[in-house]
C-alpha atoms as a PDB file:
ATOM      1  CA  MET A   1      86.566  74.524  81.761  1.00  0.00           C
ATOM      2  CA  LYS A   2      83.787  76.107  79.697  1.00  0.00           C
ATOM      3  CA  LYS A   3      83.436  79.860  79.288  1.00  0.00           C
ATOM      4  CA  GLY A   4      80.104  80.279  81.099  1.00  0.00           C
ATOM      5  CA  SER A   5      80.687  77.646  83.768  1.00  0.00           C
ATOM      6  CA  ILE A   6      80.297  78.277  87.461  1.00  0.00           C
ATOM      7  CA  LYS A   7      84.021  77.783  88.000  1.00  0.00           C
ATOM      8  CA  ASN A   8      84.885  80.354  85.330  1.00  0.00           C
ATOM      9  CA  ASN A   9      82.416  82.841  86.861  1.00  0.00           C
ATOM     10  CA  ARG A  10      83.985  82.363  90.302  1.00  0.00           C
ATOM     11  CA  ILE A  11      87.468  82.879  88.870  1.00  0.00           C
ATOM     12  CA  ASN A  12      86.281  86.056  87.095  1.00  0.00           C
ATOM     13  CA  GLY A  13      84.822  87.392  90.341  1.00  0.00           C
ATOM     14  CA  GLU A  14      87.886  86.579  92.405  1.00  0.00           C
ATOM     15  CA  VAL A  15      90.284  88.073  89.843  1.00  0.00           C
ATOM     16  CA  MET A  16      88.117  91.206  89.623  1.00  0.00           C
ATOM     17  CA  ARG A  17      88.078  91.611  93.412  1.00  0.00           C
ATOM     18  CA  GLU A  18      91.845  91.146  93.738  1.00  0.00           C
ATOM     19  CA  LEU A  19      92.683  93.405  90.771  1.00  0.00           C
ATOM     20  CA  SER A  20      90.629  96.221  92.249  1.00  0.00           C
ATOM     21  CA  CYS A  21      92.373  95.810  95.629  1.00  0.00           C
ATOM     22  CA  ILE A  22      95.824  95.718  94.044  1.00  0.00           C
ATOM     23  CA  ILE A  23      95.207  98.784  91.877  1.00  0.00           C
ATOM     24  CA  ARG A  24      93.534 100.749  94.667  1.00  0.00           C
ATOM     25  CA  ASP A  25      95.944  99.937  97.491  1.00  0.00           C
ATOM     26  CA  GLU A  26      99.323  99.104  95.982  1.00  0.00           C
ATOM     27  CA  VAL A  27      99.834 100.773  92.607  1.00  0.00           C
ATOM     28  CA  LYS A  28     101.084 104.314  93.245  1.00  0.00           C
ATOM     29  CA  ASP A  29     101.276 105.644  89.666  1.00  0.00           C
ATOM     30  CA  PRO A  30     100.040 109.277  89.515  1.00  0.00           C
ATOM     31  CA  ARG A  31      98.665 108.687  85.994  1.00  0.00           C
ATOM     32  CA  ILE A  32      96.033 106.290  87.335  1.00  0.00           C
ATOM     33  CA  ASP A  33      92.774 108.062  88.104  1.00  0.00           C
ATOM     34  CA  PRO A  34      91.783 107.619  91.780  1.00  0.00           C
ATOM     35  CA  LEU A  35      88.150 107.264  90.671  1.00  0.00           C
ATOM     36  CA  LEU A  36      88.938 104.127  88.663  1.00  0.00           C
ATOM     37  CA  SER A  37      86.312 101.408  88.588  1.00  0.00           C
ATOM     38  CA  ILE A  38      86.740  97.871  87.284  1.00  0.00           C
ATOM     39  CA  THR A  39      83.404  97.086  85.664  1.00  0.00           C
ATOM     40  CA  HIS A  40      83.987  93.568  84.365  1.00  0.00           C
ATOM     41  CA  VAL A  41      86.690  90.913  84.098  1.00  0.00           C
ATOM     42  CA  GLU A  42      86.810  88.016  81.634  1.00  0.00           C
ATOM     43  CA  VAL A  43      89.400  85.292  82.154  1.00  0.00           C
ATOM     44  CA  THR A  44      89.694  82.793  79.311  1.00  0.00           C
ATOM     45  CA  PRO A  45      88.932  79.177  80.256  1.00  0.00           C
ATOM     46  CA  ASP A  46      92.586  78.163  79.711  1.00  0.00           C
ATOM     47  CA  LEU A  47      93.698  80.945  82.128  1.00  0.00           C
ATOM     48  CA  GLN A  48      96.040  82.457  79.520  1.00  0.00           C
ATOM     49  CA  PHE A  49      94.449  85.904  79.122  1.00  0.00           C
ATOM     50  CA  CYS A  50      92.346  88.296  81.151  1.00  0.00           C
ATOM     51  CA  LYS A  51      90.359  91.233  79.775  1.00  0.00           C
ATOM     52  CA  CYS A  52      89.857  93.868  82.449  1.00  0.00           C
ATOM     53  CA  TYR A  53      87.256  96.514  81.581  1.00  0.00           C
ATOM     54  CA  ILE A  54      87.810  99.797  83.409  1.00  0.00           C
ATOM     55  CA  SER A  55      85.898 103.047  83.707  1.00  0.00           C
ATOM     56  CA  THR A  56      86.892 106.445  85.069  1.00  0.00           C
ATOM     57  CA  LEU A  57      84.847 109.517  85.837  1.00  0.00           C
ATOM     58  CA  GLY A  58      87.378 111.798  84.148  1.00  0.00           C
ATOM     59  CA  GLY A  59      87.382 112.597  80.445  1.00  0.00           C
ATOM     60  CA  ASP A  60      89.165 110.977  77.519  1.00  0.00           C
ATOM     61  CA  ASN A  61      92.534 112.301  78.653  1.00  0.00           C
ATOM     62  CA  SER A  62      92.087 110.747  82.087  1.00  0.00           C
ATOM     63  CA  MET A  63      91.151 107.380  80.568  1.00  0.00           C
ATOM     64  CA  LYS A  64      94.170 107.360  78.238  1.00  0.00           C
ATOM     65  CA  ARG A  65      96.553 108.267  81.060  1.00  0.00           C
ATOM     66  CA  THR A  66      95.021 105.639  83.339  1.00  0.00           C
ATOM     67  CA  ILE A  67      95.362 102.874  80.740  1.00  0.00           C
ATOM     68  CA  GLU A  68      98.941 103.977  80.078  1.00  0.00           C
ATOM     69  CA  GLY A  69      99.730 103.800  83.794  1.00  0.00           C
ATOM     70  CA  LEU A  70      98.070 100.395  84.172  1.00  0.00           C
ATOM     71  CA  LYS A  71      99.956  98.983  81.189  1.00  0.00           C
ATOM     72  CA  ASN A  72     103.177 100.265  82.709  1.00  0.00           C
ATOM     73  CA  ALA A  73     102.384  98.532  86.011  1.00  0.00           C
ATOM     74  CA  GLU A  74     101.052  95.314  84.425  1.00  0.00           C
ATOM     75  CA  GLY A  75     104.047  93.210  85.489  1.00  0.00           C
ATOM     76  CA  TYR A  76     103.699  94.244  89.125  1.00  0.00           C
ATOM     77  CA  ILE A  77      99.919  93.781  89.070  1.00  0.00           C
ATOM     78  CA  ARG A  78     100.294  90.332  87.530  1.00  0.00           C
ATOM     79  CA  ARG A  79     102.885  89.271  90.098  1.00  0.00           C
ATOM     80  CA  GLU A  80     100.680  90.436  92.975  1.00  0.00           C
ATOM     81  CA  LEU A  81      97.707  88.639  91.437  1.00  0.00           C
ATOM     82  CA  ALA A  82      99.770  85.439  91.302  1.00  0.00           C
ATOM     83  CA  HIS A  83     100.530  85.761  95.032  1.00  0.00           C
ATOM     84  CA  ARG A  84      96.909  86.409  95.998  1.00  0.00           C
ATOM     85  CA  VAL A  85      94.943  84.052  93.740  1.00  0.00           C
ATOM     86  CA  ASN A  86      95.932  80.402  93.547  1.00  0.00           C
ATOM     87  CA  LEU A  87      95.603  79.607  89.837  1.00  0.00           C
ATOM     88  CA  ARG A  88      97.470  77.116  87.676  1.00  0.00           C
ATOM     89  CA  LYS A  89      98.610  79.996  85.443  1.00  0.00           C
ATOM     90  CA  THR A  90      98.539  83.738  85.983  1.00  0.00           C
ATOM     91  CA  PRO A  91      96.783  85.334  83.010  1.00  0.00           C
ATOM     92  CA  ILE A  92      98.203  88.116  80.874  1.00  0.00           C
ATOM     93  CA  ILE A  93      96.089  91.183  81.663  1.00  0.00           C
ATOM     94  CA  GLN A  94      94.691  93.455  78.972  1.00  0.00           C
ATOM     95  CA  PHE A  95      93.110  96.711  80.179  1.00  0.00           C
ATOM     96  CA  ILE A  96      90.173  97.892  78.056  1.00  0.00           C
ATOM     97  CA  GLU A  97      88.231 101.113  78.493  1.00  0.00           C
ATOM     98  CA  ASP A  98      84.540 100.667  79.264  1.00  0.00           C
ATOM     99  CA  ARG A  99      82.300 103.546  78.232  1.00  0.00           C
ATOM    100  CA  SER A 100      79.006 101.948  79.311  1.00  0.00           C
ATOM    101  CA  ILE A 101      78.644 104.011  82.508  1.00  0.00           C
ATOM    102  CA  GLU A 102      79.380 107.251  80.673  1.00  0.00           C
ATOM    103  CA  TYR A 103      76.940 106.230  77.921  1.00  0.00           C
ATOM    104  CA  GLY A 104      74.208 105.486  80.477  1.00  0.00           C
ATOM    105  CA  VAL A 105      74.699 108.841  82.215  1.00  0.00           C
ATOM    106  CA  ASN A 106      74.500 110.686  78.881  1.00  0.00           C
ATOM    107  CA  MET A 107      71.337 108.801  77.856  1.00  0.00           C
ATOM    108  CA  SER A 108      69.712 109.568  81.201  1.00  0.00           C
ATOM    109  CA  ARG A 109      70.612 113.240  80.827  1.00  0.00           C
ATOM    110  CA  MET A 110      69.116 113.369  77.323  1.00  0.00           C
ATOM    111  CA  ILE A 111      65.892 111.700  78.489  1.00  0.00           C
ATOM    112  CA  ASP A 112      65.602 114.242  81.319  1.00  0.00           C
ATOM    113  CA  GLU A 113      66.113 117.107  78.852  1.00  0.00           C
ATOM    114  CA  VAL A 114      63.403 115.810  76.514  1.00  0.00           C
ATOM    115  CA  ALA A 115      60.994 115.322  79.420  1.00  0.00           C
ATOM    116  CA  GLN A 116      61.711 118.865  80.633  1.00  0.00           C
ATOM    117  CA  LYS A 117      61.033 120.295  77.147  1.00  0.00           C
ATOM    118  CA  ASP A 118      57.767 118.354  76.969  1.00  0.00           C
ATOM    119  CA  ARG A 119      56.694 119.745  80.334  1.00  0.00           C
ATOM    120  CA  GLU A 120      57.555 123.283  79.227  1.00  0.00           C
ATOM    121  CA  LYS A 121      55.510 122.933  76.037  1.00  0.00           C
ATOM    122  CA  GLY A 122      52.567 121.532  77.947  1.00  0.00           C
ATOM    123  CA  SER A 123      52.367 118.437  75.783  1.00  0.00           C
ATOM    124  CA  ALA A 124      52.765 116.136  78.757  1.00  0.00           C
ATOM    125  CA  GLU A 125      49.100 116.238  79.754  1.00  0.00           C
ATOM    126  CA  PRO A 126      47.781 113.595  82.093  1.00  0.00           C
ATOM    127  CA  TYR A 127      46.338 110.537  80.389  1.00  0.00           C
ATOM    128  CA  ASP A 128      42.555 110.256  80.576  1.00  0.00           C
ATOM    129  CA  GLU A 129      41.418 106.613  80.627  1.00  0.00           C
ATOM    130  CA  GLY A 130      37.991 107.492  79.178  1.00  0.00           C
ATOM    131  CA  GLU A 131      39.494 108.659  75.869  1.00  0.00           C
ATOM    132  CA  VAL A 132      40.594 105.596  73.993  1.00  0.00           C
END
């Protein structure tokens, strides 16, 4: 199976859906942030490994504690995944922090601040089509 094949994409989607259900409904570790979001899952074509990218709305401390809790519960999560998804092999799961949502929020905030400063200075005058 190739990496970008339709079958691999379906497996990634199914594993992502089941991992989020397992973590949300069955893992009861207090270290895991309740506002956890699985942003992306990549299962290798040979089904040996799975990279699970996660994001939390808490700070760095929350992310570290969440990853620690998920690594501690990896055996249980993997066993539940094996029961729910019919694959030839159950992949070894690696949890990786994903900062893309936090990065996007910060960039949006900075753009809003610059636009506000431009409005305050009066430099954001309307564009006149006759002046080119």
